[in-house]
PDB file of N, CA and C in Angstrom:
ATOM      1  N   UNK A   1       8.386   1.820  19.120  1.00  0.00           N
ATOM      2  CA  UNK A   1       8.257   1.361  18.228  1.00  0.00           C
ATOM      3  C   UNK A   1       9.853   1.130  17.763  1.00  0.00           C
ATOM      4  N   UNK A   2      10.191  -0.510  17.644  1.00  0.00           N
ATOM      5  CA  UNK A   2      11.506  -0.543  17.153  1.00  0.00           C
ATOM      6  C   UNK A   2      11.855  -0.433  15.480  1.00  0.00           C
ATOM      7  N   UNK A   3      10.981  -0.662  14.538  1.00  0.00           N
ATOM      8  CA  UNK A   3      10.849  -0.315  12.951  1.00  0.00           C
ATOM      9  C   UNK A   3      10.784   0.984  12.735  1.00  0.00           C
ATOM     10  N   UNK A   4      11.653   1.621  11.886  1.00  0.00           N
ATOM     11  CA  UNK A   4      11.327   3.089  11.439  1.00  0.00           C
ATOM     12  C   UNK A   4      10.064   2.976  10.338  1.00  0.00           C
ATOM     13  N   UNK A   5       9.478   4.082  10.565  1.00  0.00           N
ATOM     14  CA  UNK A   5       8.308   4.701   9.666  1.00  0.00           C
ATOM     15  C   UNK A   5       9.005   5.606   8.736  1.00  0.00           C
ATOM     16  N   UNK A   6       8.666   5.790   7.514  1.00  0.00           N
ATOM     17  CA  UNK A   6       9.120   6.700   6.437  1.00  0.00           C
ATOM     18  C   UNK A   6       7.969   7.000   5.835  1.00  0.00           C
ATOM     19  N   UNK A   7       7.381   8.258   5.774  1.00  0.00           N
ATOM     20  CA  UNK A   7       6.272   8.528   5.336  1.00  0.00           C
ATOM     21  C   UNK A   7       6.568   9.295   3.859  1.00  0.00           C
ATOM     22  N   UNK A   8       6.120   9.268   2.593  1.00  0.00           N
ATOM     23  CA  UNK A   8       6.325   9.622   1.471  1.00  0.00           C
ATOM     24  C   UNK A   8       5.135  10.173   1.051  1.00  0.00           C
ATOM     25  N   UNK A   9       5.167  11.551   0.290  1.00  0.00           N
ATOM     26  CA  UNK A   9       4.208  12.752  -0.250  1.00  0.00           C
ATOM     27  C   UNK A   9       3.474  12.131  -1.383  1.00  0.00           C
ATOM     28  N   UNK A  10       3.820  11.043  -2.225  1.00  0.00           N
ATOM     29  CA  UNK A  10       3.546  10.688  -3.737  1.00  0.00           C
ATOM     30  C   UNK A  10       3.813   9.565  -4.114  1.00  0.00           C
ATOM     31  N   UNK A  11       2.945   9.100  -4.971  1.00  0.00           N
ATOM     32  CA  UNK A  11       3.311   7.920  -5.505  1.00  0.00           C
ATOM     33  C   UNK A  11       4.835   7.926  -6.332  1.00  0.00           C
ATOM     34  N   UNK A  12       5.183   8.837  -7.136  1.00  0.00           N
ATOM     35  CA  UNK A  12       6.584   8.895  -7.294  1.00  0.00           C
ATOM     36  C   UNK A  12       7.656   8.737  -6.527  1.00  0.00           C
ATOM     37  N   UNK A  13       7.242   9.347  -5.400  1.00  0.00           N
ATOM     38  CA  UNK A  13       8.528   9.725  -4.281  1.00  0.00           C
ATOM     39  C   UNK A  13       8.348   8.041  -3.934  1.00  0.00           C
ATOM     40  N   UNK A  14       7.452   7.221  -3.737  1.00  0.00           N
ATOM     41  CA  UNK A  14       7.353   6.097  -3.325  1.00  0.00           C
ATOM     42  C   UNK A  14       7.850   4.863  -4.227  1.00  0.00           C
ATOM     43  N   UNK A  15       7.822   5.184  -5.665  1.00  0.00           N
ATOM     44  CA  UNK A  15       8.767   4.174  -6.817  1.00  0.00           C
ATOM     45  C   UNK A  15      10.210   4.321  -6.339  1.00  0.00           C
ATOM     46  N   UNK A  16      10.402   5.692  -6.072  1.00  0.00           N
ATOM     47  CA  UNK A  16      11.981   6.272  -6.148  1.00  0.00           C
ATOM     48  C   UNK A  16      12.731   5.622  -4.937  1.00  0.00           C
ATOM     49  N   UNK A  17      11.760   5.549  -3.821  1.00  0.00           N
ATOM     50  CA  UNK A  17      12.011   4.792  -2.735  1.00  0.00           C
ATOM     51  C   UNK A  17      12.196   3.242  -3.082  1.00  0.00           C
ATOM     52  N   UNK A  18      11.114   2.659  -3.330  1.00  0.00           N
ATOM     53  CA  UNK A  18      11.398   1.256  -3.921  1.00  0.00           C
ATOM     54  C   UNK A  18      12.412   0.690  -4.618  1.00  0.00           C
ATOM     55  N   UNK A  19      12.766   1.677  -5.926  1.00  0.00           N
ATOM     56  CA  UNK A  19      13.635   1.409  -6.863  1.00  0.00           C
ATOM     57  C   UNK A  19      14.978   1.567  -6.131  1.00  0.00           C
ATOM     58  N   UNK A  20      15.272   2.745  -5.219  1.00  0.00           N
ATOM     59  CA  UNK A  20      16.315   3.043  -4.413  1.00  0.00           C
ATOM     60  C   UNK A  20      16.915   3.974  -5.263  1.00  0.00           C
ATOM     61  N   UNK A  21      16.511   4.939  -6.129  1.00  0.00           N
ATOM     62  CA  UNK A  21      17.395   5.825  -7.067  1.00  0.00           C
ATOM     63  C   UNK A  21      16.841   7.300  -6.188  1.00  0.00           C
ATOM     64  N   UNK A  22      17.533   8.323  -7.173  1.00  0.00           N
ATOM     65  CA  UNK A  22      17.347   9.724  -6.637  1.00  0.00           C
ATOM     66  C   UNK A  22      18.176   9.716  -4.861  1.00  0.00           C
ATOM     67  N   UNK A  23      17.396  10.370  -4.085  1.00  0.00           N
ATOM     68  CA  UNK A  23      17.484  10.878  -2.590  1.00  0.00           C
ATOM     69  C   UNK A  23      17.799   9.517  -1.443  1.00  0.00           C
ATOM     70  N   UNK A  24      17.105   8.240  -2.432  1.00  0.00           N
ATOM     71  CA  UNK A  24      16.812   6.963  -1.770  1.00  0.00           C
ATOM     72  C   UNK A  24      18.221   5.924  -2.320  1.00  0.00           C
ATOM     73  N   UNK A  25      19.042   6.428  -2.982  1.00  0.00           N
ATOM     74  CA  UNK A  25      19.596   5.517  -3.261  1.00  0.00           C
ATOM     75  C   UNK A  25      20.585   4.651  -2.370  1.00  0.00           C
ATOM     76  N   UNK A  26      20.720   5.259  -1.348  1.00  0.00           N
ATOM     77  CA  UNK A  26      21.637   4.506  -0.212  1.00  0.00           C
ATOM     78  C   UNK A  26      20.538   3.761   0.686  1.00  0.00           C
ATOM     79  N   UNK A  27      20.760   2.396   0.215  1.00  0.00           N
ATOM     80  CA  UNK A  27      20.063   1.480   0.775  1.00  0.00           C
ATOM     81  C   UNK A  27      20.387   1.104   2.272  1.00  0.00           C
ATOM     82  N   UNK A  28      21.320   1.589   2.941  1.00  0.00           N
ATOM     83  CA  UNK A  28      21.651   1.012   4.120  1.00  0.00           C
ATOM     84  C   UNK A  28      20.652   2.498   4.868  1.00  0.00           C
ATOM     85  N   UNK A  29      20.761   3.786   4.491  1.00  0.00           N
ATOM     86  CA  UNK A  29      19.796   4.544   5.184  1.00  0.00           C
ATOM     87  C   UNK A  29      18.376   4.379   4.792  1.00  0.00           C
ATOM     88  N   UNK A  30      18.239   4.013   3.554  1.00  0.00           N
ATOM     89  CA  UNK A  30      16.702   3.884   3.007  1.00  0.00           C
ATOM     90  C   UNK A  30      16.403   2.367   2.523  1.00  0.00           C
ATOM     91  N   UNK A  31      16.716   1.144   3.391  1.00  0.00           N
ATOM     92  CA  UNK A  31      16.239  -0.236   3.087  1.00  0.00           C
ATOM     93  C   UNK A  31      14.996  -0.631   2.685  1.00  0.00           C
ATOM     94  N   UNK A  32      14.891  -1.531   1.963  1.00  0.00           N
ATOM     95  CA  UNK A  32      13.575  -1.999   1.624  1.00  0.00           C
ATOM     96  C   UNK A  32      12.718  -2.239   2.497  1.00  0.00           C
ATOM     97  N   UNK A  33      11.286  -1.932   2.360  1.00  0.00           N
ATOM     98  CA  UNK A  33      10.299  -2.110   3.507  1.00  0.00           C
ATOM     99  C   UNK A  33      10.069  -3.392   3.897  1.00  0.00           C
ATOM    100  N   UNK A  34       9.643  -3.606   5.088  1.00  0.00           N
ATOM    101  CA  UNK A  34       9.045  -5.072   5.594  1.00  0.00           C
ATOM    102  C   UNK A  34       7.586  -4.966   5.566  1.00  0.00           C
ATOM    103  N   UNK A  35       7.219  -3.787   5.217  1.00  0.00           N
ATOM    104  CA  UNK A  35       5.209  -3.617   5.157  1.00  0.00           C
ATOM    105  C   UNK A  35       5.451  -2.248   4.536  1.00  0.00           C
ATOM    106  N   UNK A  36       4.290  -2.190   3.729  1.00  0.00           N
ATOM    107  CA  UNK A  36       4.186  -1.087   2.705  1.00  0.00           C
ATOM    108  C   UNK A  36       2.639  -0.614   2.891  1.00  0.00           C
ATOM    109  N   UNK A  37       2.337   0.459   3.102  1.00  0.00           N
ATOM    110  CA  UNK A  37       0.730   1.040   3.315  1.00  0.00           C
ATOM    111  C   UNK A  37       0.594   2.167   2.266  1.00  0.00           C
ATOM    112  N   UNK A  38      -0.355   1.696   1.697  1.00  0.00           N
ATOM    113  CA  UNK A  38      -0.560   2.950   0.803  1.00  0.00           C
ATOM    114  C   UNK A  38      -1.952   3.464   0.793  1.00  0.00           C
ATOM    115  N   UNK A  39      -2.015   4.446   0.054  1.00  0.00           N
ATOM    116  CA  UNK A  39      -3.316   4.899   0.077  1.00  0.00           C
ATOM    117  C   UNK A  39      -4.102   4.667  -1.484  1.00  0.00           C
ATOM    118  N   UNK A  40      -5.028   4.666  -1.475  1.00  0.00           N
ATOM    119  CA  UNK A  40      -5.564   4.076  -2.612  1.00  0.00           C
ATOM    120  C   UNK A  40      -5.576   5.219  -4.041  1.00  0.00           C
ATOM    121  N   UNK A  41      -5.866   6.616  -3.349  1.00  0.00           N
ATOM    122  CA  UNK A  41      -5.911   7.560  -4.045  1.00  0.00           C
ATOM    123  C   UNK A  41      -4.989   8.386  -3.878  1.00  0.00           C
ATOM    124  N   UNK A  42      -3.404   8.334  -4.015  1.00  0.00           N
ATOM    125  CA  UNK A  42      -2.503   8.746  -3.666  1.00  0.00           C
ATOM    126  C   UNK A  42      -2.133   9.908  -5.167  1.00  0.00           C
ATOM    127  N   UNK A  43      -1.623  10.757  -4.765  1.00  0.00           N
ATOM    128  CA  UNK A  43      -1.430  11.731  -6.086  1.00  0.00           C
ATOM    129  C   UNK A  43      -0.223  11.513  -6.791  1.00  0.00           C
ATOM    130  N   UNK A  44      -0.251  11.636  -8.040  1.00  0.00           N
ATOM    131  CA  UNK A  44       0.648  11.130  -8.892  1.00  0.00           C
ATOM    132  C   UNK A  44       0.417   9.762  -9.829  1.00  0.00           C
ATOM    133  N   UNK A  45       1.073   8.954  -8.743  1.00  0.00           N
ATOM    134  CA  UNK A  45       0.510   7.492  -9.028  1.00  0.00           C
ATOM    135  C   UNK A  45      -0.230   6.686  -7.820  1.00  0.00           C
ATOM    136  N   UNK A  46      -1.415   6.136  -8.239  1.00  0.00           N
ATOM    137  CA  UNK A  46      -2.302   5.734  -7.531  1.00  0.00           C
ATOM    138  C   UNK A  46      -1.890   4.372  -6.725  1.00  0.00           C
ATOM    139  N   UNK A  47      -2.294   4.273  -5.699  1.00  0.00           N
ATOM    140  CA  UNK A  47      -2.175   2.808  -4.493  1.00  0.00           C
ATOM    141  C   UNK A  47      -2.204   1.714  -5.668  1.00  0.00           C
ATOM    142  N   UNK A  48      -3.170   1.532  -6.289  1.00  0.00           N
ATOM    143  CA  UNK A  48      -3.254   0.376  -7.743  1.00  0.00           C
ATOM    144  C   UNK A  48      -2.150   0.274  -8.360  1.00  0.00           C
ATOM    145  N   UNK A  49      -1.179   1.530  -8.749  1.00  0.00           N
ATOM    146  CA  UNK A  49      -0.299   1.232  -9.761  1.00  0.00           C
ATOM    147  C   UNK A  49       0.948   0.950  -8.977  1.00  0.00           C
ATOM    148  N   UNK A  50       0.986   1.412  -7.747  1.00  0.00           N
ATOM    149  CA  UNK A  50       2.003   1.265  -6.892  1.00  0.00           C
ATOM    150  C   UNK A  50       2.256  -0.426  -6.456  1.00  0.00           C
ATOM    151  N   UNK A  51       1.087  -1.028  -6.273  1.00  0.00           N
ATOM    152  CA  UNK A  51       0.865  -2.254  -5.842  1.00  0.00           C
ATOM    153  C   UNK A  51       1.237  -3.253  -6.966  1.00  0.00           C
ATOM    154  N   UNK A  52       0.768  -2.694  -8.290  1.00  0.00           N
ATOM    155  CA  UNK A  52       0.789  -3.393  -9.422  1.00  0.00           C
ATOM    156  C   UNK A  52       2.598  -3.496  -9.705  1.00  0.00           C
ATOM    157  N   UNK A  53       3.295  -2.440  -9.522  1.00  0.00           N
ATOM    158  CA  UNK A  53       4.617  -2.028  -9.745  1.00  0.00           C
ATOM    159  C   UNK A  53       5.397  -2.975  -8.569  1.00  0.00           C
ATOM    160  N   UNK A  54       5.017  -3.003  -7.620  1.00  0.00           N
ATOM    161  CA  UNK A  54       5.884  -3.860  -6.847  1.00  0.00           C
ATOM    162  C   UNK A  54       5.737  -5.363  -6.931  1.00  0.00           C
ATOM    163  N   UNK A  55       4.349  -5.741  -7.284  1.00  0.00           N
ATOM    164  CA  UNK A  55       3.936  -7.309  -7.356  1.00  0.00           C
ATOM    165  C   UNK A  55       4.853  -7.729  -8.869  1.00  0.00           C
ATOM    166  N   UNK A  56       4.716  -6.657 -10.052  1.00  0.00           N
ATOM    167  CA  UNK A  56       5.312  -7.003 -11.377  1.00  0.00           C
ATOM    168  C   UNK A  56       6.745  -6.829 -11.628  1.00  0.00           C
ATOM    169  N   UNK A  57       7.357  -5.541 -11.186  1.00  0.00           N
ATOM    170  CA  UNK A  57       8.551  -4.710 -11.611  1.00  0.00           C
ATOM    171  C   UNK A  57       9.432  -5.210 -10.606  1.00  0.00           C
ATOM    172  N   UNK A  58       9.209  -5.371  -9.589  1.00  0.00           N
ATOM    173  CA  UNK A  58       9.726  -5.559  -8.182  1.00  0.00           C
ATOM    174  C   UNK A  58      10.045  -7.077  -7.806  1.00  0.00           C
ATOM    175  N   UNK A  59       9.115  -7.633  -8.396  1.00  0.00           N
ATOM    176  CA  UNK A  59       8.839  -9.346  -8.366  1.00  0.00           C
ATOM    177  C   UNK A  59       8.786  -9.540  -6.780  1.00  0.00           C
ATOM    178  N   UNK A  60       7.876  -8.877  -6.022  1.00  0.00           N
ATOM    179  CA  UNK A  60       7.806  -9.082  -4.670  1.00  0.00           C
ATOM    180  C   UNK A  60       6.380  -9.860  -4.356  1.00  0.00           C
ATOM    181  N   UNK A  61       6.484 -10.865  -3.992  1.00  0.00           N
ATOM    182  CA  UNK A  61       5.268 -11.450  -3.987  1.00  0.00           C
ATOM    183  C   UNK A  61       4.712 -11.567  -2.570  1.00  0.00           C
ATOM    184  N   UNK A  62       6.240 -11.326  -1.671  1.00  0.00           N
ATOM    185  CA  UNK A  62       6.027 -11.318  -0.093  1.00  0.00           C
ATOM    186  C   UNK A  62       5.776 -10.066   0.571  1.00  0.00           C
ATOM    187  N   UNK A  63       5.954  -9.052  -0.020  1.00  0.00           N
ATOM    188  CA  UNK A  63       5.699  -8.018   0.741  1.00  0.00           C
ATOM    189  C   UNK A  63       4.486  -7.542   1.049  1.00  0.00           C
ATOM    190  N   UNK A  64       4.244  -7.638   2.377  1.00  0.00           N
ATOM    191  CA  UNK A  64       2.723  -7.041   2.850  1.00  0.00           C
ATOM    192  C   UNK A  64       2.437  -5.512   2.391  1.00  0.00           C
ATOM    193  N   UNK A  65       1.284  -5.491   1.607  1.00  0.00           N
ATOM    194  CA  UNK A  65       0.670  -4.244   1.196  1.00  0.00           C
ATOM    195  C   UNK A  65      -0.357  -4.091   1.933  1.00  0.00           C
ATOM    196  N   UNK A  66      -0.630  -3.087   2.384  1.00  0.00           N
ATOM    197  CA  UNK A  66      -1.728  -2.677   3.163  1.00  0.00           C
ATOM    198  C   UNK A  66      -2.570  -1.279   2.549  1.00  0.00           C
ATOM    199  N   UNK A  67      -3.557  -1.377   1.993  1.00  0.00           N
ATOM    200  CA  UNK A  67      -4.389  -0.410   1.199  1.00  0.00           C
ATOM    201  C   UNK A  67      -4.953   0.592   2.676  1.00  0.00           C
ATOM    202  N   UNK A  68      -4.899   1.707   2.937  1.00  0.00           N
ATOM    203  CA  UNK A  68      -5.320   2.662   4.070  1.00  0.00           C
ATOM    204  C   UNK A  68      -6.140   3.309   3.022  1.00  0.00           C
ATOM    205  N   UNK A  69      -7.475   3.575   2.915  1.00  0.00           N
ATOM    206  CA  UNK A  69      -8.277   4.419   2.243  1.00  0.00           C
ATOM    207  C   UNK A  69      -9.528   4.974   2.848  1.00  0.00           C
ATOM    208  N   UNK A  70      -9.936   5.865   2.213  1.00  0.00           N
ATOM    209  CA  UNK A  70     -11.374   6.530   2.673  1.00  0.00           C
ATOM    210  C   UNK A  70     -12.529   5.874   1.791  1.00  0.00           C
ATOM    211  N   UNK A  71     -11.674   4.844   0.883  1.00  0.00           N
ATOM    212  CA  UNK A  71     -13.022   4.440  -0.431  1.00  0.00           C
ATOM    213  C   UNK A  71     -13.638   3.122   0.643  1.00  0.00           C
ATOM    214  N   UNK A  72     -15.190   2.954   0.340  1.00  0.00           N
ATOM    215  CA  UNK A  72     -16.068   1.946   0.701  1.00  0.00           C
ATOM    216  C   UNK A  72     -16.407   1.341  -0.248  1.00  0.00           C
ATOM    217  N   UNK A  73     -16.134   1.601  -1.529  1.00  0.00           N
ATOM    218  CA  UNK A  73     -16.406   0.975  -2.592  1.00  0.00           C
ATOM    219  C   UNK A  73     -15.536  -0.115  -2.764  1.00  0.00           C
ATOM    220  N   UNK A  74     -16.885  -1.485  -2.775  1.00  0.00           N
ATOM    221  CA  UNK A  74     -16.454  -2.598  -2.863  1.00  0.00           C
ATOM    222  C   UNK A  74     -15.587  -2.775  -4.424  1.00  0.00           C
ATOM    223  N   UNK A  75     -15.912  -2.187  -5.251  1.00  0.00           N
ATOM    224  CA  UNK A  75     -14.828  -2.413  -6.430  1.00  0.00           C
ATOM    225  C   UNK A  75     -13.450  -2.017  -6.433  1.00  0.00           C
ATOM    226  N   UNK A  76     -13.513  -0.943  -5.430  1.00  0.00           N
ATOM    227  CA  UNK A  76     -12.282  -0.459  -5.075  1.00  0.00           C
ATOM    228  C   UNK A  76     -11.468  -1.588  -4.476  1.00  0.00           C
ATOM    229  N   UNK A  77     -11.924  -2.159  -3.345  1.00  0.00           N
ATOM    230  CA  UNK A  77     -11.771  -3.509  -2.427  1.00  0.00           C
ATOM    231  C   UNK A  77     -11.041  -4.473  -3.450  1.00  0.00           C
ATOM    232  N   UNK A  78     -12.003  -5.127  -4.107  1.00  0.00           N
ATOM    233  CA  UNK A  78     -11.813  -6.083  -5.107  1.00  0.00           C
ATOM    234  C   UNK A  78     -10.560  -5.823  -5.845  1.00  0.00           C
ATOM    235  N   UNK A  79     -10.531  -4.739  -6.692  1.00  0.00           N
ATOM    236  CA  UNK A  79      -9.282  -3.980  -7.201  1.00  0.00           C
ATOM    237  C   UNK A  79      -8.044  -4.137  -6.792  1.00  0.00           C
ATOM    238  N   UNK A  80      -8.206  -3.631  -5.494  1.00  0.00           N
ATOM    239  CA  UNK A  80      -7.068  -4.009  -4.538  1.00  0.00           C
ATOM    240  C   UNK A  80      -6.378  -5.100  -4.448  1.00  0.00           C
ATOM    241  N   UNK A  81      -7.454  -6.092  -3.926  1.00  0.00           N
ATOM    242  CA  UNK A  81      -6.964  -7.438  -3.815  1.00  0.00           C
ATOM    243  C   UNK A  81      -6.419  -8.237  -5.060  1.00  0.00           C
ATOM    244  N   UNK A  82      -7.136  -8.106  -6.272  1.00  0.00           N
ATOM    245  CA  UNK A  82      -6.838  -8.495  -7.516  1.00  0.00           C
ATOM    246  C   UNK A  82      -5.180  -8.268  -7.969  1.00  0.00           C
ATOM    247  N   UNK A  83      -5.131  -6.878  -7.643  1.00  0.00           N
ATOM    248  CA  UNK A  83      -3.653  -6.470  -7.737  1.00  0.00           C
ATOM    249  C   UNK A  83      -2.562  -6.791  -6.976  1.00  0.00           C
ATOM    250  N   UNK A  84      -2.776  -7.361  -5.737  1.00  0.00           N
ATOM    251  CA  UNK A  84      -2.128  -8.126  -4.974  1.00  0.00           C
ATOM    252  C   UNK A  84      -1.964  -7.205  -3.452  1.00  0.00           C
ATOM    253  N   UNK A  85      -3.053  -6.634  -3.243  1.00  0.00           N
ATOM    254  CA  UNK A  85      -2.895  -6.039  -1.849  1.00  0.00           C
ATOM    255  C   UNK A  85      -3.019  -7.207  -0.619  1.00  0.00           C
ATOM    256  N   UNK A  86      -2.538  -7.032   0.394  1.00  0.00           N
ATOM    257  CA  UNK A  86      -2.309  -7.975   1.379  1.00  0.00           C
ATOM    258  C   UNK A  86      -3.684  -7.626   2.289  1.00  0.00           C
ATOM    259  N   UNK A  87      -4.310  -6.399   2.342  1.00  0.00           N
ATOM    260  CA  UNK A  87      -5.221  -6.195   3.120  1.00  0.00           C
ATOM    261  C   UNK A  87      -5.921  -4.775   3.012  1.00  0.00           C
ATOM    262  N   UNK A  88      -6.879  -4.369   3.189  1.00  0.00           N
ATOM    263  CA  UNK A  88      -7.722  -3.026   2.592  1.00  0.00           C
ATOM    264  C   UNK A  88      -8.229  -2.690   3.899  1.00  0.00           C
ATOM    265  N   UNK A  89      -7.977  -1.580   4.509  1.00  0.00           N
ATOM    266  CA  UNK A  89      -8.326  -0.764   5.594  1.00  0.00           C
ATOM    267  C   UNK A  89      -9.090   0.265   5.473  1.00  0.00           C
ATOM    268  N   UNK A  90     -10.272   0.703   5.673  1.00  0.00           N
ATOM    269  CA  UNK A  90     -10.999   1.750   5.580  1.00  0.00           C
ATOM    270  C   UNK A  90     -10.763   2.853   6.362  1.00  0.00           C
ATOM    271  N   UNK A  91     -10.686   4.270   6.189  1.00  0.00           N
ATOM    272  CA  UNK A  91      -9.914   5.335   7.389  1.00  0.00           C
ATOM    273  C   UNK A  91     -11.362   6.108   7.505  1.00  0.00           C
ATOM    274  N   UNK A  92     -11.552   6.559   8.737  1.00  0.00           N
ATOM    275  CA  UNK A  92     -11.162   6.374  10.111  1.00  0.00           C
ATOM    276  C   UNK A  92     -11.194   4.961  10.057  1.00  0.00           C
ATOM    277  N   UNK A  93     -10.277   4.185  11.202  1.00  0.00           N
ATOM    278  CA  UNK A  93     -10.876   2.982  11.150  1.00  0.00           C
ATOM    279  C   UNK A  93     -11.304   2.795  12.746  1.00  0.00           C
ATOM    280  N   UNK A  94     -12.696   2.269  12.399  1.00  0.00           N
ATOM    281  CA  UNK A  94     -13.900   1.944  13.527  1.00  0.00           C
ATOM    282  C   UNK A  94     -14.131   0.744  13.586  1.00  0.00           C
ATOM    283  N   UNK A  95     -14.800   0.160  14.626  1.00  0.00           N
ATOM    284  CA  UNK A  95     -15.194  -1.289  14.805  1.00  0.00           C
ATOM    285  C   UNK A  95     -16.035  -1.755  13.651  1.00  0.00           C
ATOM    286  N   UNK A  96     -16.917  -0.794  13.683  1.00  0.00           N
ATOM    287  CA  UNK A  96     -18.217  -0.835  12.485  1.00  0.00           C
ATOM    288  C   UNK A  96     -17.535  -0.919  11.015  1.00  0.00           C
ATOM    289  N   UNK A  97     -16.259  -0.233  10.399  1.00  0.00           N
ATOM    290  CA  UNK A  97     -15.756  -0.455   9.372  1.00  0.00           C
ATOM    291  C   UNK A  97     -14.991  -1.647   9.633  1.00  0.00           C
ATOM    292  N   UNK A  98     -14.088  -2.119  10.291  1.00  0.00           N
ATOM    293  CA  UNK A  98     -13.745  -3.349  10.051  1.00  0.00           C
ATOM    294  C   UNK A  98     -14.711  -4.504  10.141  1.00  0.00           C
ATOM    295  N   UNK A  99     -15.746  -4.202  10.962  1.00  0.00           N
ATOM    296  CA  UNK A  99     -16.837  -5.574  10.859  1.00  0.00           C
ATOM    297  C   UNK A  99     -17.648  -5.552   9.688  1.00  0.00           C
ATOM    298  N   UNK A 100     -17.821  -4.212   9.187  1.00  0.00           N
ATOM    299  CA  UNK A 100     -18.412  -3.991   7.944  1.00  0.00           C
ATOM    300  C   UNK A 100     -17.631  -4.576   6.613  1.00  0.00           C
ATOM    301  N   UNK A 101     -16.319  -4.577   6.829  1.00  0.00           N
ATOM    302  CA  UNK A 101     -15.128  -5.156   5.781  1.00  0.00           C
ATOM    303  C   UNK A 101     -14.951  -6.686   5.870  1.00  0.00           C
ATOM    304  N   UNK A 102     -15.397  -7.272   6.873  1.00  0.00           N
ATOM    305  CA  UNK A 102     -14.898  -8.815   7.481  1.00  0.00           C
ATOM    306  C   UNK A 102     -16.579  -9.207   6.600  1.00  0.00           C
ATOM    307  N   UNK A 103     -17.462  -8.627   7.037  1.00  0.00           N
ATOM    308  CA  UNK A 103     -18.819  -9.365   6.653  1.00  0.00           C
ATOM    309  C   UNK A 103     -18.813  -9.175   4.533  1.00  0.00           C
ATOM    310  N   UNK A 104     -18.026  -7.986   4.184  1.00  0.00           N
ATOM    311  CA  UNK A 104     -17.819  -8.286   2.848  1.00  0.00           C
ATOM    312  C   UNK A 104     -17.482  -9.421   2.435  1.00  0.00           C
ATOM    313  N   UNK A 105     -16.258  -9.062   2.981  1.00  0.00           N
ATOM    314  CA  UNK A 105     -15.321 -10.216   2.352  1.00  0.00           C
ATOM    315  C   UNK A 105     -15.728 -11.691   2.691  1.00  0.00           C
ATOM    316  N   UNK A 106     -16.279 -11.774   3.393  1.00  0.00           N
ATOM    317  CA  UNK A 106     -16.980 -12.940   4.175  1.00  0.00           C
ATOM    318  C   UNK A 106     -18.361 -13.334   3.325  1.00  0.00           C
ATOM    319  N   UNK A 107     -18.486 -12.436   2.597  1.00  0.00           N
ATOM    320  CA  UNK A 107     -19.812 -13.224   1.909  1.00  0.00           C
ATOM    321  C   UNK A 107     -19.828 -13.736   0.441  1.00  0.00           C
TER     322      UNK A 107
END
């Protein structure tokens, strides 16, 4: 895979990374992501809060944000898209889940 994947443990760490503070202040070593994948129910700061932070505080309307979550709740899905998520995927990914999501989104 040509792109490096950085995995963070919680929402606070994600904010530090996105802002470039603490251990992530070296932008050569820790560049801004070209894609952000968040769990909707992350520890300390939720996926919703991360999306809101990226869209409002970082003013990054073009960064793709994928919510990868176990929640099949239609209200969570709506809220994620309203917050600025680019995509909402339910884990574990399966053909059934993907077709279910598309039927909900197109309804």
